[in-house]
Amino acid sequence: MHIYGPAHLHGPQAVGAPHSTRSARPTSQVGSSPIKDEVNISDAARLIEQVKQAPDIRQDRVQAIRAQIASGTYETSDKLSKAVSGLLDEIG
């Protein structure tokens, strides 16, 4: 074993380009599967897509329902039970 200390200078060494090719052999691993791309879609992106797929708002229908609510004829027990059932199906 040789210990040269801090004052020892090494002789000239070859300087290689940073992108030089050192081996022409491909680096393949035996038995490994090829790399595959993967896409993960967030819940927010799914929700945005659902909103984009939703039909346009029918203003005439909205105005008719608002008039029924204002007059007190919109809320019936049948409509409320359907709404609660739909809400529970959506949540659960």
N, C-alpha and C. Protein backbone atom coordinates (compact mmCIF):
# COMPACT_ATOMS: atom_id res chain seq x y z
N MET A 1 0.86 -1.18 0.00
CA MET A 1 0.00 0.00 0.00
C MET A 1 0.89 1.23 0.00
N HIS A 2 0.55 2.20 -0.82
CA HIS A 2 1.31 3.44 -0.93
C HIS A 2 0.47 4.59 -0.42
N ILE A 3 0.98 5.38 0.45
CA ILE A 3 0.33 6.59 0.94
C ILE A 3 1.21 7.75 0.50
N TYR A 4 0.67 8.64 -0.29
CA TYR A 4 1.47 9.71 -0.87
C TYR A 4 1.30 11.04 -0.15
N GLY A 5 0.25 11.27 0.58
CA GLY A 5 0.06 12.53 1.28
C GLY A 5 -0.56 13.59 0.39
N PRO A 6 -0.77 14.79 0.95
CA PRO A 6 -1.50 15.83 0.22
C PRO A 6 -0.68 16.50 -0.88
N ALA A 7 0.63 16.40 -0.88
CA ALA A 7 1.43 17.09 -1.87
C ALA A 7 1.68 16.28 -3.12
N HIS A 8 1.24 15.03 -3.16
CA HIS A 8 1.50 14.19 -4.31
C HIS A 8 0.61 14.59 -5.48
N LEU A 9 1.18 14.75 -6.65
CA LEU A 9 0.42 15.08 -7.85
C LEU A 9 0.39 13.87 -8.76
N HIS A 10 -0.74 13.61 -9.30
CA HIS A 10 -0.87 12.51 -10.25
C HIS A 10 -0.41 12.98 -11.61
N GLY A 11 -0.03 12.06 -12.43
CA GLY A 11 0.40 12.38 -13.78
C GLY A 11 -0.78 12.76 -14.65
N PRO A 12 -0.51 13.11 -15.89
CA PRO A 12 -1.59 13.50 -16.80
C PRO A 12 -2.56 12.35 -17.04
N GLN A 13 -3.84 12.72 -17.12
CA GLN A 13 -4.90 11.73 -17.35
C GLN A 13 -5.73 12.20 -18.54
N ALA A 14 -6.28 11.25 -19.27
CA ALA A 14 -7.09 11.57 -20.44
C ALA A 14 -8.38 12.23 -20.03
N VAL A 15 -8.79 13.20 -20.80
CA VAL A 15 -10.05 13.89 -20.55
C VAL A 15 -11.03 13.42 -21.62
N GLY A 16 -12.15 12.84 -21.15
CA GLY A 16 -13.15 12.35 -22.08
C GLY A 16 -14.31 13.33 -22.19
N ALA A 17 -14.95 13.32 -23.33
CA ALA A 17 -16.14 14.15 -23.51
C ALA A 17 -17.23 13.69 -22.56
N PRO A 18 -18.07 14.59 -22.10
CA PRO A 18 -19.09 14.18 -21.12
C PRO A 18 -20.11 13.20 -21.67
N HIS A 19 -20.26 13.15 -22.97
CA HIS A 19 -21.28 12.27 -23.55
C HIS A 19 -20.64 11.16 -24.38
N SER A 20 -19.46 10.79 -24.01
CA SER A 20 -18.81 9.74 -24.78
C SER A 20 -19.45 8.40 -24.48
N THR A 21 -19.46 7.56 -25.47
CA THR A 21 -20.03 6.23 -25.29
C THR A 21 -18.93 5.30 -24.82
N ARG A 22 -19.13 4.68 -23.72
CA ARG A 22 -18.11 3.82 -23.15
C ARG A 22 -18.29 2.38 -23.58
N SER A 23 -19.51 1.98 -23.82
CA SER A 23 -19.73 0.61 -24.27
C SER A 23 -20.82 0.60 -25.32
N ALA A 24 -20.61 -0.22 -26.30
CA ALA A 24 -21.61 -0.33 -27.37
C ALA A 24 -22.64 -1.38 -27.05
N ARG A 25 -22.49 -2.07 -25.92
CA ARG A 25 -23.42 -3.13 -25.55
C ARG A 25 -24.69 -2.53 -24.94
N PRO A 26 -25.84 -2.98 -25.34
CA PRO A 26 -27.06 -2.50 -24.69
C PRO A 26 -27.14 -3.09 -23.28
N THR A 27 -27.65 -2.30 -22.38
CA THR A 27 -27.77 -2.76 -20.99
C THR A 27 -29.16 -3.33 -20.78
N SER A 28 -29.34 -4.56 -21.13
CA SER A 28 -30.64 -5.21 -20.96
C SER A 28 -30.55 -6.18 -19.80
N GLN A 29 -31.62 -6.23 -19.06
CA GLN A 29 -31.68 -7.14 -17.93
C GLN A 29 -32.45 -8.38 -18.36
N VAL A 30 -31.91 -9.51 -18.06
CA VAL A 30 -32.53 -10.76 -18.43
C VAL A 30 -33.71 -11.01 -17.49
N GLY A 31 -34.86 -11.31 -18.06
CA GLY A 31 -36.03 -11.68 -17.26
C GLY A 31 -36.85 -10.50 -16.77
N SER A 32 -36.46 -9.28 -17.08
CA SER A 32 -37.25 -8.14 -16.61
C SER A 32 -38.29 -7.78 -17.65
N SER A 33 -39.40 -7.26 -17.20
CA SER A 33 -40.45 -6.87 -18.12
C SER A 33 -40.14 -5.47 -18.65
N PRO A 34 -40.63 -5.15 -19.85
CA PRO A 34 -40.36 -3.82 -20.41
C PRO A 34 -41.07 -2.74 -19.60
N ILE A 35 -40.52 -1.54 -19.66
CA ILE A 35 -41.11 -0.42 -18.95
C ILE A 35 -42.42 -0.04 -19.63
N LYS A 36 -43.45 0.16 -18.85
CA LYS A 36 -44.76 0.51 -19.38
C LYS A 36 -45.17 1.86 -18.82
N ASP A 37 -45.85 2.65 -19.63
CA ASP A 37 -46.38 3.93 -19.19
C ASP A 37 -47.64 3.68 -18.37
N GLU A 38 -47.88 4.58 -17.46
CA GLU A 38 -49.06 4.45 -16.59
C GLU A 38 -49.70 5.82 -16.43
N VAL A 39 -51.01 5.86 -16.46
CA VAL A 39 -51.75 7.10 -16.29
C VAL A 39 -52.68 6.94 -15.10
N ASN A 40 -52.62 7.91 -14.20
CA ASN A 40 -53.53 7.94 -13.06
C ASN A 40 -54.40 9.18 -13.18
N ILE A 41 -55.71 8.98 -13.19
CA ILE A 41 -56.65 10.09 -13.32
C ILE A 41 -57.22 10.37 -11.93
N SER A 42 -57.12 11.61 -11.50
CA SER A 42 -57.56 11.99 -10.16
C SER A 42 -59.09 12.03 -10.09
N ASP A 43 -59.60 12.00 -8.87
CA ASP A 43 -61.04 12.09 -8.67
C ASP A 43 -61.57 13.43 -9.16
N ALA A 44 -60.79 14.50 -8.99
CA ALA A 44 -61.21 15.82 -9.46
C ALA A 44 -61.35 15.83 -10.98
N ALA A 45 -60.43 15.18 -11.67
CA ALA A 45 -60.50 15.12 -13.13
C ALA A 45 -61.72 14.32 -13.59
N ARG A 46 -62.03 13.24 -12.86
CA ARG A 46 -63.23 12.46 -13.20
C ARG A 46 -64.49 13.29 -13.01
N LEU A 47 -64.53 14.08 -11.92
CA LEU A 47 -65.68 14.92 -11.66
C LEU A 47 -65.83 15.98 -12.74
N ILE A 48 -64.73 16.57 -13.15
CA ILE A 48 -64.79 17.57 -14.23
C ILE A 48 -65.31 16.95 -15.52
N GLU A 49 -64.87 15.74 -15.81
CA GLU A 49 -65.35 15.07 -17.02
C GLU A 49 -66.85 14.78 -16.94
N GLN A 50 -67.33 14.41 -15.74
CA GLN A 50 -68.77 14.17 -15.57
C GLN A 50 -69.56 15.46 -15.78
N VAL A 51 -69.02 16.56 -15.29
CA VAL A 51 -69.70 17.85 -15.47
C VAL A 51 -69.75 18.23 -16.94
N LYS A 52 -68.65 17.95 -17.66
CA LYS A 52 -68.63 18.24 -19.10
C LYS A 52 -69.63 17.38 -19.85
N GLN A 53 -69.88 16.16 -19.37
CA GLN A 53 -70.80 15.25 -20.05
C GLN A 53 -72.27 15.55 -19.70
N ALA A 54 -72.49 16.35 -18.66
CA ALA A 54 -73.86 16.65 -18.22
C ALA A 54 -74.57 17.46 -19.30
N PRO A 55 -75.87 17.24 -19.42
CA PRO A 55 -76.62 18.01 -20.42
C PRO A 55 -76.71 19.49 -20.03
N ASP A 56 -76.96 20.33 -21.01
CA ASP A 56 -77.09 21.75 -20.76
C ASP A 56 -78.31 22.03 -19.89
N ILE A 57 -78.30 23.17 -19.21
CA ILE A 57 -79.40 23.55 -18.32
C ILE A 57 -80.56 24.05 -19.16
N ARG A 58 -81.72 23.52 -18.85
CA ARG A 58 -82.94 23.95 -19.53
C ARG A 58 -83.60 25.04 -18.69
N GLN A 59 -83.39 26.28 -19.08
CA GLN A 59 -83.86 27.41 -18.29
C GLN A 59 -85.39 27.44 -18.17
N ASP A 60 -86.11 26.99 -19.18
CA ASP A 60 -87.57 26.97 -19.09
C ASP A 60 -88.04 26.03 -17.99
N ARG A 61 -87.37 24.88 -17.88
CA ARG A 61 -87.71 23.90 -16.83
C ARG A 61 -87.36 24.45 -15.45
N VAL A 62 -86.21 25.12 -15.34
CA VAL A 62 -85.80 25.70 -14.07
C VAL A 62 -86.81 26.76 -13.62
N GLN A 63 -87.23 27.59 -14.53
CA GLN A 63 -88.20 28.64 -14.19
C GLN A 63 -89.55 28.04 -13.75
N ALA A 64 -89.97 26.96 -14.41
CA ALA A 64 -91.24 26.32 -14.04
C ALA A 64 -91.14 25.73 -12.63
N ILE A 65 -90.03 25.09 -12.31
CA ILE A 65 -89.87 24.50 -10.97
C ILE A 65 -89.77 25.59 -9.92
N ARG A 66 -89.07 26.69 -10.23
CA ARG A 66 -89.00 27.80 -9.28
C ARG A 66 -90.39 28.37 -8.99
N ALA A 67 -91.20 28.44 -10.02
CA ALA A 67 -92.57 28.95 -9.83
C ALA A 67 -93.38 28.00 -8.95
N GLN A 68 -93.20 26.67 -9.15
CA GLN A 68 -93.91 25.69 -8.31
C GLN A 68 -93.44 25.77 -6.85
N ILE A 69 -92.14 25.96 -6.65
CA ILE A 69 -91.62 26.08 -5.28
C ILE A 69 -92.17 27.33 -4.63
N ALA A 70 -92.21 28.43 -5.36
CA ALA A 70 -92.72 29.69 -4.82
C ALA A 70 -94.19 29.58 -4.46
N SER A 71 -94.94 28.83 -5.24
CA SER A 71 -96.37 28.70 -4.96
C SER A 71 -96.66 27.61 -3.93
N GLY A 72 -95.65 26.80 -3.59
CA GLY A 72 -95.83 25.76 -2.58
C GLY A 72 -96.39 24.46 -3.13
N THR A 73 -96.42 24.27 -4.44
CA THR A 73 -96.98 23.05 -5.02
C THR A 73 -95.91 22.06 -5.48
N TYR A 74 -94.65 22.41 -5.33
CA TYR A 74 -93.59 21.53 -5.84
C TYR A 74 -93.29 20.38 -4.90
N GLU A 75 -93.16 20.65 -3.61
CA GLU A 75 -92.75 19.62 -2.66
C GLU A 75 -93.92 18.72 -2.30
N THR A 76 -93.87 17.50 -2.82
CA THR A 76 -94.85 16.48 -2.45
C THR A 76 -94.10 15.35 -1.77
N SER A 77 -94.83 14.53 -1.04
CA SER A 77 -94.16 13.44 -0.32
C SER A 77 -93.51 12.45 -1.29
N ASP A 78 -94.13 12.24 -2.43
CA ASP A 78 -93.56 11.34 -3.43
C ASP A 78 -92.23 11.87 -3.98
N LYS A 79 -92.19 13.15 -4.30
CA LYS A 79 -90.96 13.76 -4.81
C LYS A 79 -89.86 13.74 -3.75
N LEU A 80 -90.22 14.03 -2.50
CA LEU A 80 -89.22 14.03 -1.43
C LEU A 80 -88.65 12.64 -1.19
N SER A 81 -89.50 11.61 -1.22
CA SER A 81 -89.00 10.25 -1.00
C SER A 81 -88.08 9.82 -2.14
N LYS A 82 -88.40 10.21 -3.38
CA LYS A 82 -87.53 9.90 -4.51
C LYS A 82 -86.19 10.63 -4.37
N ALA A 83 -86.24 11.88 -3.94
CA ALA A 83 -85.01 12.65 -3.78
C ALA A 83 -84.12 12.06 -2.68
N VAL A 84 -84.72 11.67 -1.56
CA VAL A 84 -83.96 11.07 -0.47
C VAL A 84 -83.40 9.72 -0.89
N SER A 85 -84.18 8.94 -1.60
CA SER A 85 -83.71 7.65 -2.08
C SER A 85 -82.54 7.81 -3.05
N GLY A 86 -82.65 8.76 -3.95
CA GLY A 86 -81.55 9.03 -4.89
C GLY A 86 -80.30 9.51 -4.19
N LEU A 87 -80.49 10.34 -3.17
CA LEU A 87 -79.35 10.85 -2.40
C LEU A 87 -78.66 9.72 -1.66
N LEU A 88 -79.43 8.84 -1.05
CA LEU A 88 -78.85 7.71 -0.32
C LEU A 88 -78.14 6.75 -1.27
N ASP A 89 -78.69 6.56 -2.46
CA ASP A 89 -78.01 5.71 -3.45
C ASP A 89 -76.69 6.34 -3.89
N GLU A 90 -76.69 7.66 -4.02
CA GLU A 90 -75.47 8.37 -4.44
C GLU A 90 -74.40 8.32 -3.37
N ILE A 91 -74.78 8.45 -2.12
CA ILE A 91 -73.82 8.44 -1.01
C ILE A 91 -73.33 7.02 -0.74
N GLY A 92 -74.22 6.07 -0.71
CA GLY A 92 -73.87 4.71 -0.32
C GLY A 92 -73.45 3.90 -1.44
